[in-house]
């Protein structure tokens, strides 16, 4: 049965399956021991920051072990950051596939977001399990809160990725400007400090960053004694994800032919 005889849903499933396998093979076998470096790179990064912040500050932060505090913050940020950054390059990286009329630019972004979410989840499970094996208490107190928060952070990354994947193709210099502009987010997303430690009125500005809401809720999901300020809201984070996703999908519909032509 050819594609003209199949339902749109069946065609979409076949396209997404093919794109997922293509992306996965490229990520895991793109170079010598690429699959191993996929896990070792974040492990080295997390270990370095945990050591630095574990040596120069208290062992316990807001009722939470400082190593777990830092690990959870960095993993939560990674769900957002890896998804958004990888999606931004998805259209360019798969431009050759647009000669097949079944493949649309938005498909490449959505599939790459799914793959990044899956890979980041696997890395997170391995690293958290490793912490448990070396003696850290990493029991999850509220699994549903952790699941919803991880999804919301990934959803935000998808939304921003949908927008930037269009803008980076239409305006080649956009990617450089965007990366430069968002670099400070790593330091103003409460990865290394609790949000309550920021005094007013600066905390009000900090709360505008939706990633802060996700990281603080994620820590609370691991430790129900972890105190979060009243301004923290999962709905705020989800609202950002929903608005950016709808806007990104609208951009893909509006500029679909331009993206293929590029």
Protein backbone atom coordinates (compact mmCIF):
# COMPACT_ATOMS: atom_id res chain seq x y z
CA UNK A 1 0.00 0.00 0.00
CA UNK A 2 1.57 3.29 -1.06
CA UNK A 3 1.43 6.56 0.89
CA UNK A 4 -1.52 7.88 -1.16
CA UNK A 5 -3.66 4.94 0.02
CA UNK A 6 -2.69 5.24 3.69
CA UNK A 7 -4.39 7.46 6.23
CA UNK A 8 -2.64 10.72 7.24
CA UNK A 9 -2.09 9.25 10.70
CA UNK A 10 -0.35 6.18 9.27
CA UNK A 11 1.85 8.35 7.06
CA UNK A 12 2.78 10.58 10.00
CA UNK A 13 3.61 7.56 12.15
CA UNK A 14 5.83 6.10 9.41
CA UNK A 15 7.62 9.44 8.93
CA UNK A 16 8.18 9.96 12.66
CA UNK A 17 9.40 6.38 13.10
CA UNK A 18 11.91 6.75 10.27
CA UNK A 19 13.10 10.13 11.53
CA UNK A 20 13.44 8.84 15.10
CA UNK A 21 15.55 5.87 14.02
CA UNK A 22 17.68 8.10 11.79
CA UNK A 23 18.29 10.62 14.58
CA UNK A 24 18.97 7.91 17.15
CA UNK A 25 21.50 6.11 14.96
CA UNK A 26 23.26 9.40 14.20
CA UNK A 27 23.42 10.43 17.86
CA UNK A 28 24.59 7.05 19.13
CA UNK A 29 27.00 6.13 16.33
CA UNK A 30 28.06 9.52 14.96
CA UNK A 31 31.63 8.95 16.06
CA UNK A 32 33.89 6.60 17.98
CA UNK A 33 32.18 5.69 21.28
CA UNK A 34 29.59 8.40 20.67
CA UNK A 35 27.06 6.53 22.80
CA UNK A 36 29.52 6.45 25.72
CA UNK A 37 30.34 10.15 25.53
CA UNK A 38 26.64 10.88 25.53
CA UNK A 39 26.65 9.74 29.16
CA UNK A 40 30.20 10.64 30.20
CA UNK A 41 29.94 14.31 29.18
CA UNK A 42 27.09 15.17 31.56
CA UNK A 43 28.63 12.92 34.23
CA UNK A 44 31.91 14.88 34.17
CA UNK A 45 30.04 18.20 34.14
CA UNK A 46 27.76 17.29 37.03
CA UNK A 47 30.61 15.81 39.07
CA UNK A 48 32.67 18.96 38.65
CA UNK A 49 29.89 21.28 39.79
CA UNK A 50 28.86 18.99 42.65
CA UNK A 51 32.47 18.90 43.87
CA UNK A 52 32.93 22.66 43.57
CA UNK A 53 29.71 23.56 45.33
CA UNK A 54 30.02 20.72 47.81
CA UNK A 55 33.44 21.90 48.97
CA UNK A 56 32.69 25.62 49.22
CA UNK A 57 29.26 25.59 50.82
CA UNK A 58 27.10 23.74 53.36
CA UNK A 59 26.36 20.05 52.97
CA UNK A 60 22.62 20.68 53.35
CA UNK A 61 20.63 23.30 51.42
CA UNK A 62 17.03 23.86 52.42
CA UNK A 63 16.69 20.38 53.98
CA UNK A 64 18.29 18.80 50.91
CA UNK A 65 21.77 17.35 50.45
CA UNK A 66 23.81 19.85 48.42
CA UNK A 67 24.98 17.19 45.94
CA UNK A 68 21.41 16.06 45.22
CA UNK A 69 20.27 19.69 45.19
CA UNK A 70 22.79 20.51 42.46
CA UNK A 71 22.22 17.29 40.52
CA UNK A 72 18.44 17.70 40.39
CA UNK A 73 18.81 21.35 39.36
CA UNK A 74 21.21 20.56 36.55
CA UNK A 75 19.20 17.60 35.28
CA UNK A 76 16.01 19.66 35.25
CA UNK A 77 17.76 22.43 33.36
CA UNK A 78 19.13 19.87 30.91
CA UNK A 79 15.61 18.70 29.97
CA UNK A 80 14.81 22.24 28.89
CA UNK A 81 18.18 23.29 27.46
CA UNK A 82 19.09 20.18 25.45
CA UNK A 83 15.64 19.96 23.92
CA UNK A 84 15.52 23.62 22.87
CA UNK A 85 19.10 23.73 21.55
CA UNK A 86 18.87 20.48 19.58
CA UNK A 87 15.48 21.41 18.10
CA UNK A 88 16.85 24.73 16.87
CA UNK A 89 19.14 22.88 14.42
CA UNK A 90 16.66 20.18 13.40
CA UNK A 91 15.42 21.81 10.19
CA UNK A 92 18.89 22.58 8.87
CA UNK A 93 20.23 19.14 9.76
CA UNK A 94 17.42 17.34 7.89
CA UNK A 95 17.03 19.69 4.92
CA UNK A 96 17.87 16.93 2.43
CA UNK A 97 14.81 14.94 3.54
CA UNK A 98 12.38 17.63 2.45
CA UNK A 99 12.59 16.33 -1.11
CA UNK A 100 10.14 13.69 0.14
CA UNK A 101 6.76 15.40 0.29
CA UNK A 102 5.71 13.33 3.32
CA UNK A 103 8.43 14.91 5.46
CA UNK A 104 7.68 18.39 6.74
CA UNK A 105 10.09 20.65 8.70
CA UNK A 106 7.92 20.48 11.80
CA UNK A 107 8.25 16.68 11.84
CA UNK A 108 12.02 16.91 12.26
CA UNK A 109 11.67 19.26 15.23
CA UNK A 110 9.03 17.20 17.02
CA UNK A 111 10.91 13.93 16.54
CA UNK A 112 14.20 15.43 17.70
CA UNK A 113 12.47 16.80 20.80
CA UNK A 114 11.11 13.32 21.60
CA UNK A 115 14.54 11.77 21.13
CA UNK A 116 16.25 14.37 23.33
CA UNK A 117 13.65 13.91 26.03
CA UNK A 118 14.16 10.14 25.95
CA UNK A 119 17.97 10.36 26.01
CA UNK A 120 17.95 12.92 28.82
CA UNK A 121 15.57 10.74 30.81
CA UNK A 122 17.90 7.74 30.43
CA UNK A 123 20.92 9.83 31.44
CA UNK A 124 19.02 11.18 34.46
CA UNK A 125 18.01 7.71 35.65
CA UNK A 126 21.60 6.45 35.33
CA UNK A 127 23.09 9.44 37.18
CA UNK A 128 20.48 9.42 39.95
CA UNK A 129 20.94 5.65 40.34
CA UNK A 130 24.69 6.19 40.53
CA UNK A 131 24.21 8.65 43.38
CA UNK A 132 22.09 6.10 45.22
CA UNK A 133 24.76 3.44 44.76
CA UNK A 134 27.44 5.63 46.37
CA UNK A 135 25.30 6.29 49.42
CA UNK A 136 23.14 9.34 48.70
CA UNK A 137 19.47 9.29 49.66
CA UNK A 138 17.63 9.93 46.40
CA UNK A 139 14.18 8.59 47.19
CA UNK A 140 11.43 10.38 45.26
CA UNK A 141 8.74 11.63 47.65
CA UNK A 142 6.22 12.73 45.01
CA UNK A 143 6.64 10.82 41.76
CA UNK A 144 3.71 12.53 40.03
CA UNK A 145 5.13 15.97 40.77
CA UNK A 146 8.50 14.90 39.36
CA UNK A 147 6.89 13.47 36.21
CA UNK A 148 4.70 16.52 35.57
CA UNK A 149 7.58 18.92 36.20
CA UNK A 150 10.00 17.05 33.94
CA UNK A 151 7.35 17.04 31.21
CA UNK A 152 6.73 20.78 31.69
CA UNK A 153 10.46 21.58 31.37
CA UNK A 154 10.71 19.40 28.26
CA UNK A 155 7.54 21.02 26.90
CA UNK A 156 9.06 24.47 27.34
CA UNK A 157 12.18 23.31 25.48
CA UNK A 158 9.99 21.98 22.66
CA UNK A 159 8.07 25.25 22.44
CA UNK A 160 11.19 27.37 22.23
CA UNK A 161 12.76 24.90 19.80
CA UNK A 162 9.80 25.13 17.45
CA UNK A 163 10.19 28.91 17.33
CA UNK A 164 13.97 29.04 17.04
CA UNK A 165 14.06 26.29 14.39
CA UNK A 166 12.08 28.60 12.09
CA UNK A 167 13.84 31.84 12.97
CA UNK A 168 17.34 30.34 12.70
CA UNK A 169 16.62 29.27 9.09
CA UNK A 170 14.96 32.50 8.01
CA UNK A 171 17.61 34.64 9.75
CA UNK A 172 20.98 32.80 9.78
CA UNK A 173 22.47 35.09 12.43
CA UNK A 174 19.58 34.46 14.82
CA UNK A 175 21.15 31.32 16.32
CA UNK A 176 24.31 33.18 17.39
CA UNK A 177 22.31 36.02 18.92
CA UNK A 178 19.92 33.62 20.67
CA UNK A 179 22.72 31.49 22.15
CA UNK A 180 24.49 34.59 23.41
CA UNK A 181 21.31 36.09 24.88
CA UNK A 182 20.23 32.91 26.68
CA UNK A 183 23.63 31.94 28.08
CA UNK A 184 23.00 33.79 31.39
CA UNK A 185 19.97 31.53 31.99
CA UNK A 186 22.35 28.88 33.31
CA UNK A 187 23.20 31.17 36.22
CA UNK A 188 19.80 32.78 36.80
CA UNK A 189 17.68 29.62 36.84
CA UNK A 190 18.30 28.66 40.51
CA UNK A 191 20.46 25.68 39.60
CA UNK A 192 22.97 26.35 42.37
CA UNK A 193 20.86 28.22 44.92
CA UNK A 194 17.28 28.09 46.27
CA UNK A 195 14.93 30.78 45.06
CA UNK A 196 14.09 31.93 48.60
CA UNK A 197 17.71 33.02 49.09
CA UNK A 198 17.23 35.84 46.59
CA UNK A 199 15.91 38.95 48.40
CA UNK A 200 13.10 41.13 47.17
CA UNK A 201 12.67 42.92 44.82
CA UNK A 202 15.16 40.83 42.82
CA UNK A 203 13.17 37.65 43.45
CA UNK A 204 10.25 39.10 41.51
CA UNK A 205 12.50 39.37 38.48
CA UNK A 206 13.81 35.86 39.05
CA UNK A 207 10.26 34.50 39.09
CA UNK A 208 9.73 35.71 35.52
CA UNK A 209 12.06 32.89 34.42
CA UNK A 210 9.82 29.80 33.98
CA UNK A 211 12.77 27.42 34.39
CA UNK A 212 13.16 28.51 38.03
CA UNK A 213 9.62 27.28 38.73
CA UNK A 214 10.43 23.90 37.22
CA UNK A 215 13.69 23.34 39.11
CA UNK A 216 12.22 24.30 42.47
CA UNK A 217 9.18 22.04 41.96
CA UNK A 218 11.46 19.20 40.88
CA UNK A 219 13.44 19.49 44.12
CA UNK A 220 10.25 19.50 46.13
CA UNK A 221 9.23 16.31 44.34
CA UNK A 222 12.43 14.65 45.60
CA UNK A 223 12.19 16.12 49.11
CA UNK A 224 8.81 17.15 50.53
CA UNK A 225 10.57 19.15 53.25
CA UNK A 226 12.13 21.39 50.62
CA UNK A 227 10.69 24.88 51.02
CA UNK A 228 9.57 26.76 47.91
CA UNK A 229 8.38 30.34 47.83
CA UNK A 230 4.65 30.94 47.24
CA UNK A 231 5.31 32.42 43.78
CA UNK A 232 6.43 29.05 42.38
CA UNK A 233 3.78 27.63 40.04
CA UNK A 234 3.62 24.64 37.73
CA UNK A 235 0.81 26.36 35.81
CA UNK A 236 3.10 29.27 35.01
CA UNK A 237 5.69 26.90 33.55
CA UNK A 238 3.04 24.99 31.57
CA UNK A 239 1.58 28.25 30.30
CA UNK A 240 4.97 29.22 28.88
CA UNK A 241 5.27 25.82 27.23
CA UNK A 242 1.77 26.01 25.75
CA UNK A 243 2.11 29.56 24.41
CA UNK A 244 5.55 28.95 22.87
CA UNK A 245 4.43 25.63 21.35
CA UNK A 246 1.30 27.11 19.77
CA UNK A 247 3.31 30.05 18.44
CA UNK A 248 6.02 27.74 17.13
CA UNK A 249 3.51 25.50 15.34
CA UNK A 250 1.90 28.58 13.82
CA UNK A 251 5.29 29.72 12.52
CA UNK A 252 5.91 26.29 10.98
CA UNK A 253 2.54 26.39 9.22
CA UNK A 254 3.11 29.94 8.00
CA UNK A 255 6.67 29.43 6.75
CA UNK A 256 6.59 25.72 5.81
CA UNK A 257 7.30 26.34 2.13
CA UNK A 258 10.02 28.90 2.91
CA UNK A 259 11.77 26.39 5.19
CA UNK A 260 11.69 23.73 2.48
CA UNK A 261 12.96 26.18 -0.13
CA UNK A 262 15.87 27.25 2.06
